[in-house]
Amino acid sequence: MSAWPSHSHLQALRRAARATALALSTRVLAISSKRFDRPLLGLLVQPELQSLLEAPDQSTWTGRRDALLWELLYRTGGRISELVALNRQDVQFSEVDLVQLHGKGRKQRAVVLHQATAAWLQTMVGGAAHGSLHSALRQS
């Protein structure tokens, strides 16, 4: 008979714990999931994109470099940080010209380059065999 009072005491503790857990979970679920709504980013229409790609002054070397970087951003869909981190070894000129992008969280992806973009990049980079693509563009 001595076990019976401790069993009922245990049951009472369980009921109290469930009630406390239920109250706590109700409070947690009442917290809103977002503090604000982010508007969707707009898209560029073709004339806007064309004017962006044509904006750099290609009569200067820096203008040609900037135009190439805009072209790479557009053609690869890469982030600015991915293009800044590109090394010469990440660009492969062969039957299929491609660039290896290193994204967030160590994610890597290979992107096939458009023929004209690959030719332009090869002209700008020249014979640089290694190092960052940015420094190879500076040296050409």
N, C-alpha and C. Protein backbone atom coordinates (compact mmCIF):
# COMPACT_ATOMS: atom_id res chain seq x y z
N MET A 1 0.79 -1.21 0.00
CA MET A 1 0.00 0.00 0.00
C MET A 1 0.82 1.27 0.00
N SER A 2 2.07 1.18 0.39
CA SER A 2 2.90 2.38 0.43
C SER A 2 3.25 2.86 -0.97
N ALA A 3 3.20 1.99 -1.95
CA ALA A 3 3.53 2.39 -3.32
C ALA A 3 2.42 3.22 -3.93
N TRP A 4 1.21 3.05 -3.51
CA TRP A 4 0.07 3.77 -4.09
C TRP A 4 0.15 5.28 -3.92
N PRO A 5 0.45 5.82 -2.77
CA PRO A 5 0.53 7.27 -2.66
C PRO A 5 1.63 7.87 -3.53
N SER A 6 2.76 7.18 -3.67
CA SER A 6 3.82 7.73 -4.51
C SER A 6 3.41 7.68 -5.99
N HIS A 7 2.62 6.68 -6.37
CA HIS A 7 2.14 6.60 -7.75
C HIS A 7 1.20 7.76 -8.06
N SER A 8 0.29 8.07 -7.14
CA SER A 8 -0.63 9.18 -7.38
C SER A 8 0.12 10.51 -7.37
N HIS A 9 1.14 10.59 -6.53
CA HIS A 9 1.97 11.80 -6.52
C HIS A 9 2.69 11.97 -7.86
N LEU A 10 3.19 10.87 -8.42
CA LEU A 10 3.85 10.89 -9.73
C LEU A 10 2.87 11.31 -10.82
N GLN A 11 1.66 10.82 -10.76
CA GLN A 11 0.64 11.19 -11.75
C GLN A 11 0.35 12.69 -11.68
N ALA A 12 0.28 13.22 -10.48
CA ALA A 12 0.01 14.65 -10.30
C ALA A 12 1.17 15.48 -10.87
N LEU A 13 2.38 15.03 -10.66
CA LEU A 13 3.54 15.73 -11.23
C LEU A 13 3.51 15.70 -12.75
N ARG A 14 3.13 14.56 -13.32
CA ARG A 14 3.04 14.46 -14.78
C ARG A 14 1.99 15.40 -15.35
N ARG A 15 0.82 15.47 -14.68
CA ARG A 15 -0.25 16.38 -15.13
C ARG A 15 0.23 17.84 -15.08
N ALA A 16 0.94 18.19 -14.02
CA ALA A 16 1.45 19.56 -13.88
C ALA A 16 2.50 19.86 -14.96
N ALA A 17 3.36 18.88 -15.24
CA ALA A 17 4.38 19.07 -16.27
C ALA A 17 3.73 19.24 -17.64
N ARG A 18 2.70 18.44 -17.92
CA ARG A 18 1.99 18.57 -19.21
C ARG A 18 1.34 19.94 -19.33
N ALA A 19 0.72 20.40 -18.26
CA ALA A 19 0.06 21.71 -18.29
C ALA A 19 1.09 22.82 -18.51
N THR A 20 2.23 22.70 -17.85
CA THR A 20 3.28 23.70 -18.02
C THR A 20 3.83 23.67 -19.45
N ALA A 21 4.05 22.46 -19.98
CA ALA A 21 4.57 22.32 -21.34
C ALA A 21 3.57 22.85 -22.36
N LEU A 22 2.29 22.59 -22.12
CA LEU A 22 1.25 23.07 -23.03
C LEU A 22 1.21 24.59 -23.02
N ALA A 23 1.30 25.18 -21.83
CA ALA A 23 1.29 26.64 -21.73
C ALA A 23 2.51 27.24 -22.42
N LEU A 24 3.66 26.63 -22.23
CA LEU A 24 4.88 27.12 -22.86
C LEU A 24 4.82 26.98 -24.37
N SER A 25 4.36 25.84 -24.86
CA SER A 25 4.28 25.65 -26.31
C SER A 25 3.27 26.61 -26.94
N THR A 26 2.20 26.91 -26.24
CA THR A 26 1.23 27.88 -26.74
C THR A 26 1.86 29.25 -26.86
N ARG A 27 2.65 29.63 -25.87
CA ARG A 27 3.34 30.93 -25.92
C ARG A 27 4.36 30.97 -27.05
N VAL A 28 5.08 29.87 -27.25
CA VAL A 28 6.08 29.83 -28.32
C VAL A 28 5.40 29.91 -29.68
N LEU A 29 4.32 29.19 -29.86
CA LEU A 29 3.61 29.22 -31.14
C LEU A 29 2.96 30.57 -31.43
N ALA A 30 2.74 31.36 -30.39
CA ALA A 30 2.14 32.68 -30.57
C ALA A 30 3.15 33.69 -31.11
N ILE A 31 4.45 33.39 -31.07
CA ILE A 31 5.47 34.28 -31.59
C ILE A 31 5.37 34.29 -33.11
N SER A 32 5.33 35.49 -33.68
CA SER A 32 5.22 35.56 -35.14
C SER A 32 6.53 35.09 -35.77
N SER A 33 6.41 34.44 -36.92
CA SER A 33 7.59 33.87 -37.57
C SER A 33 8.45 34.92 -38.27
N LYS A 34 7.85 36.01 -38.72
CA LYS A 34 8.60 37.05 -39.40
C LYS A 34 8.35 38.38 -38.71
N ARG A 35 9.38 39.18 -38.63
CA ARG A 35 9.21 40.50 -38.05
C ARG A 35 8.81 41.52 -39.11
N PHE A 36 9.11 41.20 -40.36
CA PHE A 36 8.74 42.09 -41.45
C PHE A 36 8.65 41.28 -42.73
N ASP A 37 7.96 41.79 -43.68
CA ASP A 37 7.86 41.15 -44.99
C ASP A 37 8.88 41.79 -45.91
N ARG A 38 9.64 40.95 -46.59
CA ARG A 38 10.60 41.46 -47.56
C ARG A 38 9.93 41.51 -48.93
N PRO A 39 10.04 42.64 -49.59
CA PRO A 39 9.46 42.70 -50.93
C PRO A 39 10.30 41.87 -51.89
N LEU A 40 9.65 41.31 -52.88
CA LEU A 40 10.37 40.56 -53.91
C LEU A 40 11.22 41.52 -54.73
N LEU A 41 12.38 41.06 -55.11
CA LEU A 41 13.24 41.88 -55.95
C LEU A 41 12.67 41.93 -57.36
N GLY A 42 12.79 43.06 -57.97
CA GLY A 42 12.30 43.21 -59.33
C GLY A 42 13.30 42.64 -60.34
N LEU A 43 12.84 42.44 -61.53
CA LEU A 43 13.68 41.93 -62.61
C LEU A 43 13.99 43.06 -63.58
N LEU A 44 15.13 42.95 -64.23
CA LEU A 44 15.47 43.91 -65.27
C LEU A 44 14.81 43.49 -66.57
N VAL A 45 14.26 44.44 -67.27
CA VAL A 45 13.73 44.14 -68.59
C VAL A 45 14.88 44.27 -69.59
N GLN A 46 14.70 43.76 -70.77
CA GLN A 46 15.79 43.68 -71.77
C GLN A 46 16.47 45.03 -72.04
N PRO A 47 15.73 46.12 -72.24
CA PRO A 47 16.43 47.40 -72.48
C PRO A 47 17.29 47.84 -71.29
N GLU A 48 16.81 47.60 -70.06
CA GLU A 48 17.59 47.97 -68.89
C GLU A 48 18.87 47.14 -68.81
N LEU A 49 18.74 45.85 -69.07
CA LEU A 49 19.90 44.96 -69.05
C LEU A 49 20.91 45.37 -70.13
N GLN A 50 20.41 45.67 -71.31
CA GLN A 50 21.29 46.06 -72.41
C GLN A 50 22.04 47.35 -72.09
N SER A 51 21.36 48.32 -71.50
CA SER A 51 22.04 49.57 -71.15
C SER A 51 23.06 49.35 -70.05
N LEU A 52 22.81 48.42 -69.13
CA LEU A 52 23.77 48.09 -68.08
C LEU A 52 25.03 47.46 -68.67
N LEU A 53 24.85 46.55 -69.62
CA LEU A 53 25.99 45.90 -70.25
C LEU A 53 26.80 46.85 -71.14
N GLU A 54 26.14 47.84 -71.69
CA GLU A 54 26.82 48.80 -72.58
C GLU A 54 27.35 50.02 -71.83
N ALA A 55 27.09 50.14 -70.54
CA ALA A 55 27.46 51.34 -69.78
C ALA A 55 28.97 51.59 -69.69
N PRO A 56 29.81 50.57 -69.44
CA PRO A 56 31.25 50.86 -69.33
C PRO A 56 31.82 51.38 -70.66
N ASP A 57 32.73 52.35 -70.55
CA ASP A 57 33.39 52.93 -71.71
C ASP A 57 34.46 51.96 -72.21
N GLN A 58 34.19 51.28 -73.31
CA GLN A 58 35.10 50.25 -73.79
C GLN A 58 36.28 50.80 -74.59
N SER A 59 36.40 52.10 -74.64
CA SER A 59 37.59 52.65 -75.28
C SER A 59 38.77 52.65 -74.31
N THR A 60 38.50 52.44 -73.02
CA THR A 60 39.57 52.35 -72.02
C THR A 60 39.71 50.91 -71.55
N TRP A 61 40.90 50.58 -71.01
CA TRP A 61 41.11 49.22 -70.52
C TRP A 61 40.21 48.91 -69.34
N THR A 62 40.05 49.85 -68.42
CA THR A 62 39.19 49.61 -67.25
C THR A 62 37.73 49.45 -67.67
N GLY A 63 37.33 50.15 -68.69
CA GLY A 63 35.96 50.00 -69.20
C GLY A 63 35.74 48.62 -69.80
N ARG A 64 36.74 48.12 -70.55
CA ARG A 64 36.63 46.77 -71.12
C ARG A 64 36.59 45.72 -70.01
N ARG A 65 37.43 45.93 -68.96
CA ARG A 65 37.42 45.00 -67.83
C ARG A 65 36.06 45.00 -67.13
N ASP A 66 35.53 46.20 -66.88
CA ASP A 66 34.23 46.30 -66.21
C ASP A 66 33.12 45.69 -67.05
N ALA A 67 33.18 45.92 -68.36
CA ALA A 67 32.18 45.34 -69.25
C ALA A 67 32.26 43.81 -69.22
N LEU A 68 33.47 43.28 -69.18
CA LEU A 68 33.64 41.83 -69.10
C LEU A 68 33.08 41.28 -67.79
N LEU A 69 33.33 41.99 -66.70
CA LEU A 69 32.79 41.54 -65.41
C LEU A 69 31.26 41.57 -65.39
N TRP A 70 30.67 42.61 -65.97
CA TRP A 70 29.20 42.66 -66.08
C TRP A 70 28.70 41.49 -66.93
N GLU A 71 29.40 41.23 -68.01
CA GLU A 71 29.03 40.12 -68.90
C GLU A 71 29.11 38.78 -68.16
N LEU A 72 30.18 38.59 -67.38
CA LEU A 72 30.32 37.35 -66.62
C LEU A 72 29.21 37.21 -65.57
N LEU A 73 28.89 38.31 -64.90
CA LEU A 73 27.78 38.26 -63.93
C LEU A 73 26.49 37.85 -64.61
N TYR A 74 26.23 38.46 -65.76
CA TYR A 74 25.00 38.17 -66.50
C TYR A 74 24.98 36.74 -67.04
N ARG A 75 26.05 36.32 -67.67
CA ARG A 75 26.07 35.00 -68.33
C ARG A 75 26.18 33.82 -67.37
N THR A 76 26.83 34.02 -66.22
CA THR A 76 27.00 32.89 -65.29
C THR A 76 25.95 32.87 -64.19
N GLY A 77 25.32 34.00 -63.93
CA GLY A 77 24.38 34.05 -62.81
C GLY A 77 25.11 34.03 -61.48
N GLY A 78 26.39 34.33 -61.49
CA GLY A 78 27.20 34.28 -60.28
C GLY A 78 27.03 35.50 -59.41
N ARG A 79 27.41 35.35 -58.16
CA ARG A 79 27.42 36.47 -57.23
C ARG A 79 28.72 37.26 -57.43
N ILE A 80 28.72 38.50 -57.00
CA ILE A 80 29.92 39.31 -57.11
C ILE A 80 31.06 38.65 -56.34
N SER A 81 30.75 38.14 -55.15
CA SER A 81 31.79 37.50 -54.34
C SER A 81 32.37 36.28 -55.05
N GLU A 82 31.56 35.57 -55.83
CA GLU A 82 32.05 34.41 -56.57
C GLU A 82 33.02 34.84 -57.67
N LEU A 83 32.71 35.94 -58.34
CA LEU A 83 33.59 36.41 -59.42
C LEU A 83 34.88 37.01 -58.86
N VAL A 84 34.79 37.70 -57.74
CA VAL A 84 35.98 38.27 -57.14
C VAL A 84 36.94 37.17 -56.68
N ALA A 85 36.38 36.05 -56.23
CA ALA A 85 37.20 34.95 -55.72
C ALA A 85 37.72 34.02 -56.82
N LEU A 86 37.34 34.27 -58.08
CA LEU A 86 37.77 33.40 -59.16
C LEU A 86 39.29 33.40 -59.33
N ASN A 87 39.83 32.23 -59.52
CA ASN A 87 41.24 32.08 -59.87
C ASN A 87 41.35 31.69 -61.33
N ARG A 88 42.51 31.90 -61.89
CA ARG A 88 42.73 31.54 -63.30
C ARG A 88 42.48 30.06 -63.53
N GLN A 89 42.80 29.22 -62.51
CA GLN A 89 42.60 27.78 -62.64
C GLN A 89 41.11 27.41 -62.68
N ASP A 90 40.24 28.33 -62.25
CA ASP A 90 38.80 28.07 -62.25
C ASP A 90 38.17 28.26 -63.64
N VAL A 91 38.94 28.80 -64.56
CA VAL A 91 38.44 29.02 -65.92
C VAL A 91 39.13 28.03 -66.84
N GLN A 92 38.34 27.27 -67.59
CA GLN A 92 38.90 26.26 -68.48
C GLN A 92 38.49 26.57 -69.91
N PHE A 93 39.49 26.71 -70.76
CA PHE A 93 39.24 26.93 -72.17
C PHE A 93 39.56 25.62 -72.89
N SER A 94 38.56 24.99 -73.43
CA SER A 94 38.74 23.73 -74.17
C SER A 94 37.58 23.61 -75.15
N GLU A 95 37.21 22.38 -75.47
CA GLU A 95 36.06 22.20 -76.37
C GLU A 95 34.81 22.84 -75.78
N VAL A 96 34.68 22.68 -74.47
CA VAL A 96 33.58 23.33 -73.75
C VAL A 96 34.22 24.30 -72.76
N ASP A 97 34.05 25.59 -73.00
CA ASP A 97 34.63 26.59 -72.10
C ASP A 97 33.72 26.72 -70.88
N LEU A 98 34.34 26.62 -69.71
CA LEU A 98 33.53 26.74 -68.50
C LEU A 98 34.29 27.42 -67.39
N VAL A 99 33.51 27.86 -66.41
CA VAL A 99 34.06 28.52 -65.23
C VAL A 99 33.52 27.80 -64.00
N GLN A 100 34.41 27.58 -63.04
CA GLN A 100 34.04 26.90 -61.80
C GLN A 100 33.82 27.98 -60.73
N LEU A 101 32.57 28.12 -60.28
CA LEU A 101 32.24 29.13 -59.28
C LEU A 101 32.21 28.49 -57.90
N HIS A 102 32.74 29.20 -56.92
CA HIS A 102 32.75 28.73 -55.53
C HIS A 102 31.82 29.62 -54.74
N GLY A 103 30.67 29.08 -54.36
CA GLY A 103 29.64 29.88 -53.71
C GLY A 103 29.64 29.79 -52.21
N LYS A 104 28.52 30.18 -51.64
CA LYS A 104 28.35 30.16 -50.20
C LYS A 104 28.36 28.73 -49.68
N GLY A 105 28.88 28.56 -48.50
CA GLY A 105 28.85 27.25 -47.87
C GLY A 105 29.65 26.19 -48.62
N ARG A 106 30.74 26.60 -49.24
CA ARG A 106 31.62 25.69 -49.98
C ARG A 106 30.92 25.00 -51.16
N LYS A 107 29.86 25.58 -51.65
CA LYS A 107 29.17 25.00 -52.80
C LYS A 107 29.94 25.38 -54.07
N GLN A 108 30.10 24.41 -54.94
CA GLN A 108 30.78 24.65 -56.21
C GLN A 108 29.84 24.30 -57.35
N ARG A 109 29.99 25.05 -58.43
CA ARG A 109 29.22 24.72 -59.63
C ARG A 109 30.01 25.13 -60.85
N ALA A 110 29.86 24.33 -61.87
CA ALA A 110 30.52 24.62 -63.14
C ALA A 110 29.49 25.22 -64.09
N VAL A 111 29.85 26.32 -64.72
CA VAL A 111 28.94 27.01 -65.63
C VAL A 111 29.60 27.09 -67.00
N VAL A 112 28.90 26.63 -68.01
CA VAL A 112 29.40 26.71 -69.38
C VAL A 112 29.33 28.16 -69.83
N LEU A 113 30.43 28.64 -70.40
CA LEU A 113 30.48 30.02 -70.86
C LEU A 113 29.95 30.15 -72.28
N HIS A 114 29.30 31.24 -72.53
CA HIS A 114 28.87 31.60 -73.87
C HIS A 114 30.13 31.78 -74.72
N GLN A 115 30.08 31.40 -75.97
CA GLN A 115 31.27 31.44 -76.85
C GLN A 115 31.91 32.82 -76.89
N ALA A 116 31.10 33.84 -77.08
CA ALA A 116 31.65 35.20 -77.18
C ALA A 116 32.26 35.64 -75.85
N THR A 117 31.63 35.27 -74.75
CA THR A 117 32.16 35.62 -73.43
C THR A 117 33.48 34.91 -73.18
N ALA A 118 33.57 33.64 -73.56
CA ALA A 118 34.80 32.87 -73.38
C ALA A 118 35.94 33.46 -74.21
N ALA A 119 35.65 33.85 -75.45
CA ALA A 119 36.68 34.45 -76.30
C ALA A 119 37.15 35.78 -75.72
N TRP A 120 36.22 36.57 -75.24
CA TRP A 120 36.54 37.86 -74.65
C TRP A 120 37.38 37.68 -73.39
N LEU A 121 37.01 36.72 -72.56
CA LEU A 121 37.75 36.43 -71.33
C LEU A 121 39.16 35.94 -71.64
N GLN A 122 39.27 35.09 -72.63
CA GLN A 122 40.58 34.55 -73.01
C GLN A 122 41.48 35.68 -73.52
N THR A 123 40.92 36.61 -74.25
CA THR A 123 41.69 37.75 -74.75
C THR A 123 42.16 38.63 -73.60
N MET A 124 41.28 38.89 -72.64
CA MET A 124 41.62 39.76 -71.52
C MET A 124 42.61 39.13 -70.55
N VAL A 125 42.46 37.83 -70.30
CA VAL A 125 43.33 37.15 -69.33
C VAL A 125 44.67 36.85 -69.96
N GLY A 126 44.68 36.56 -71.23
CA GLY A 126 45.93 36.27 -71.92
C GLY A 126 46.53 34.96 -71.46
N GLY A 127 47.84 34.95 -71.25
CA GLY A 127 48.54 33.71 -70.91
C GLY A 127 48.70 33.47 -69.43
N ALA A 128 47.99 34.21 -68.58
CA ALA A 128 48.13 34.00 -67.14
C ALA A 128 47.75 32.57 -66.80
N ALA A 129 48.65 31.86 -66.14
CA ALA A 129 48.42 30.44 -65.84
C ALA A 129 47.83 30.22 -64.47
N HIS A 130 48.07 31.12 -63.54
CA HIS A 130 47.56 30.92 -62.20
C HIS A 130 47.33 32.28 -61.52
N GLY A 131 46.86 32.25 -60.29
CA GLY A 131 46.58 33.48 -59.55
C GLY A 131 45.13 33.86 -59.69
N SER A 132 44.77 34.93 -59.03
CA SER A 132 43.37 35.36 -59.09
C SER A 132 43.05 35.92 -60.47
N LEU A 133 41.83 35.72 -60.87
CA LEU A 133 41.40 36.24 -62.17
C LEU A 133 41.45 37.76 -62.16
N HIS A 134 41.13 38.35 -61.02
CA HIS A 134 41.15 39.80 -60.89
C HIS A 134 42.57 40.35 -61.15
N SER A 135 43.58 39.69 -60.57
CA SER A 135 44.95 40.17 -60.80
C SER A 135 45.39 39.88 -62.23
N ALA A 136 44.91 38.78 -62.81
CA ALA A 136 45.24 38.50 -64.22
C ALA A 136 44.63 39.56 -65.12
N LEU A 137 43.43 40.04 -64.77
CA LEU A 137 42.81 41.10 -65.55
C LEU A 137 43.58 42.40 -65.37
N ARG A 138 44.14 42.63 -64.19
CA ARG A 138 44.93 43.83 -63.94
C ARG A 138 46.22 43.83 -64.74
N GLN A 139 46.78 42.63 -64.94
CA GLN A 139 48.07 42.54 -65.61
C GLN A 139 47.97 42.65 -67.12
N SER A 140 46.81 42.37 -67.66
CA SER A 140 46.72 42.35 -69.13
C SER A 140 46.66 43.74 -69.72
